[in-house]
Protein backbone atom coordinates (compact mmCIF):
# COMPACT_ATOMS: atom_id res chain seq x y z
CA MET A 1 2.32 12.51 28.66
CA ASP A 2 -0.09 10.97 31.17
CA TYR A 3 -1.77 9.14 28.32
CA PHE A 4 1.27 6.91 27.75
CA LEU A 5 1.85 6.22 31.46
CA ASN A 6 -1.43 4.38 31.98
CA ARG A 7 -1.56 2.64 28.60
CA PRO A 8 -0.16 -0.85 28.09
CA THR A 9 2.38 -1.17 25.32
CA GLY A 10 2.22 -3.81 22.66
CA PRO A 11 -0.67 -5.88 21.37
CA PRO A 12 -3.40 -7.21 23.64
CA THR A 13 -2.92 -10.75 24.90
CA ASP A 14 -5.90 -12.02 22.89
CA TYR A 15 -4.83 -10.28 19.66
CA VAL A 16 -5.99 -11.81 16.40
CA ALA A 17 -5.03 -10.18 13.12
CA PRO A 18 -8.01 -8.63 11.34
CA ASN A 19 -9.21 -10.01 8.05
CA TRP A 20 -8.30 -8.16 4.89
CA PRO A 21 -9.44 -5.40 4.05
CA SER A 22 -11.05 -4.61 7.42
CA LEU A 23 -11.65 -0.93 6.66
CA HIS A 24 -14.65 -0.39 8.93
CA GLY A 25 -14.14 2.37 11.44
CA TRP A 26 -11.40 3.82 9.26
CA LEU A 27 -12.03 7.45 10.06
CA ILE A 28 -12.18 7.54 13.84
CA GLY A 29 -10.34 4.37 14.77
CA PRO A 30 -11.38 1.86 17.42
CA ALA A 31 -14.09 2.97 19.83
CA SER A 32 -12.32 1.66 22.93
CA ASP A 33 -9.22 -0.21 24.03
CA GLU A 34 -11.20 -3.46 23.90
CA ASP A 35 -11.85 -2.81 20.20
CA LEU A 36 -8.20 -2.93 19.09
CA SER A 37 -8.70 -5.92 16.80
CA ASP A 38 -8.85 -3.45 13.90
CA ALA A 39 -5.20 -2.60 14.44
CA LEU A 40 -2.17 -4.30 12.92
CA TRP A 41 0.54 -5.08 15.46
CA PHE A 42 2.93 -7.60 13.94
CA GLN A 43 5.40 -7.13 11.09
CA GLY A 44 3.87 -9.84 8.94
CA ASP A 45 0.38 -8.36 9.21
CA ILE A 46 1.54 -4.85 8.33
CA LEU A 47 3.64 -6.17 5.46
CA SER A 48 0.85 -8.28 3.98
CA PHE A 49 -1.76 -5.50 4.17
CA THR A 50 0.63 -2.99 2.57
CA LEU A 51 1.71 -5.44 -0.10
CA ILE A 52 -1.84 -6.40 -1.07
CA TRP A 53 -3.05 -2.79 -1.28
CA THR A 54 0.01 -1.72 -3.25
CA LEU A 55 -0.37 -4.60 -5.70
CA ILE A 56 -4.02 -3.67 -6.27
CA ALA A 57 -3.27 0.04 -6.76
CA PHE A 58 -0.31 -0.54 -9.08
CA SER A 59 -2.22 -3.17 -11.08
CA VAL A 60 -5.05 -0.72 -11.66
CA MET A 61 -2.75 2.10 -12.76
CA TYR A 62 -0.50 -0.02 -14.98
CA GLY A 63 -3.54 -1.90 -16.27
CA LEU A 64 -5.15 1.38 -17.36
CA ALA A 65 -1.93 2.39 -19.11
CA GLY A 66 -1.75 -1.04 -20.74
CA CYS A 67 -5.36 -0.76 -21.93
CA TRP A 68 -4.56 2.63 -23.44
CA ALA A 69 -1.53 1.16 -25.23
CA TYR A 70 -3.72 -1.69 -26.49
CA VAL A 71 -6.25 0.78 -27.89
CA VAL A 72 -3.55 2.86 -29.59
CA PHE A 73 -1.85 -0.18 -31.16
CA TYR A 74 -5.03 -2.18 -31.77
CA ARG A 75 -4.28 -3.13 -35.37
CA SER A 76 -0.91 -4.70 -34.64
CA ARG A 77 0.07 -7.51 -32.29
CA LEU A 78 2.11 -5.03 -30.32
CA GLY A 79 -1.03 -3.83 -28.51
CA LEU A 80 -1.62 -7.14 -26.75
CA VAL A 81 2.07 -7.51 -25.93
CA LEU A 82 2.10 -4.02 -24.44
CA LEU A 83 -1.00 -4.76 -22.36
CA PHE A 84 0.57 -7.81 -20.75
CA ALA A 85 3.95 -6.08 -20.42
CA PHE A 86 2.38 -3.17 -18.56
CA ILE A 87 0.50 -5.50 -16.23
CA GLY A 88 3.64 -7.54 -15.56
CA ILE A 89 5.72 -4.44 -14.89
CA GLY A 90 2.99 -3.13 -12.60
CA LEU A 91 2.94 -6.35 -10.59
CA PHE A 92 6.72 -6.33 -10.27
CA ALA A 93 6.91 -2.65 -9.32
CA GLY A 94 4.00 -3.03 -6.90
CA SER A 95 5.47 -6.05 -5.18
CA THR A 96 8.90 -4.48 -4.70
CA SER A 97 7.55 -1.10 -3.65
CA GLY A 98 4.91 -2.61 -1.39
CA ALA A 99 7.46 -4.86 0.29
CA VAL A 100 9.90 -2.02 0.96
CA ILE A 101 7.22 0.34 2.30
CA GLY A 102 5.65 -2.49 4.33
CA VAL A 103 8.95 -3.34 6.02
CA LEU A 104 9.64 0.33 6.74
CA LEU A 105 6.17 0.92 8.18
CA SER A 106 6.30 -2.20 10.33
CA GLY A 107 9.71 -1.21 11.66
CA ILE A 108 8.51 2.26 12.59
CA TYR A 109 5.31 1.10 14.25
CA ASN A 110 6.97 -1.80 16.07
CA ALA A 111 9.74 0.46 17.37
CA GLY A 112 7.15 2.61 19.11
CA TYR A 113 4.91 -0.29 20.20
CA PHE A 114 2.04 1.24 18.27
CA GLY A 115 -0.75 -0.57 16.48
CA MET A 116 -1.36 0.50 12.90
CA ALA A 117 -4.89 1.24 11.74
CA THR A 118 -5.95 -1.01 8.89
CA TRP A 119 -6.61 1.88 6.50
CA LEU A 120 -3.02 3.17 6.63
CA PRO A 121 -1.64 0.53 4.21
CA LEU A 122 -4.33 1.65 1.72
CA ALA A 123 -3.31 5.27 2.22
CA TRP A 124 0.35 4.42 1.64
CA ALA A 125 -0.53 2.49 -1.52
CA LEU A 126 -2.38 5.54 -2.83
CA VAL A 127 0.58 7.76 -1.95
CA GLN A 128 2.85 5.44 -3.94
CA VAL A 129 0.50 5.60 -6.93
CA LEU A 130 0.38 9.40 -6.74
CA ILE A 131 4.19 9.52 -6.68
CA LEU A 132 4.20 7.19 -9.69
CA VAL A 133 1.80 9.43 -11.61
CA ILE A 134 3.67 12.61 -10.71
CA SER A 135 7.06 11.14 -11.63
CA SER A 136 5.75 9.85 -14.97
CA ASP A 137 5.53 13.43 -16.23
CA ALA A 138 9.15 14.26 -15.47
CA ASP A 139 11.05 16.11 -18.13
CA LEU A 140 14.20 14.07 -18.60
CA SER A 141 15.84 15.99 -21.42
CA LEU A 142 19.31 17.42 -20.92
CA ASN A 143 18.45 20.60 -22.85
CA ASN A 144 16.78 22.12 -19.79
CA LEU A 145 19.94 22.05 -17.66
């Protein structure tokens, strides 16, 4: 508890948002309190980092699925339509999911006056992709009830 008594809350007075992706020092965090420029403090910064990483992750996953659909339906025009449909759906799903998770994360971190490490939005984007992959194999038939 003594750690929080002597620590200032909120961002430093000379805070400047780090450039994207700013993943250096991702494992151990900032070396000292003067090195807090690798932390995200404001809602807009947390939201933009989470949204960008989620869009990239979802675009890769939906793009791979779209490429597979293109290969399967190569002889017909449906393959190219499916490729662009998968990419469009991935961008839409990534933007909505990234925005919701970004707002939730920024609310949680701002409520506690904590700075968020810049690698956490990447981790949350990967968690969202893993949930997407796991839920894609759901058995939705009513015969198993």
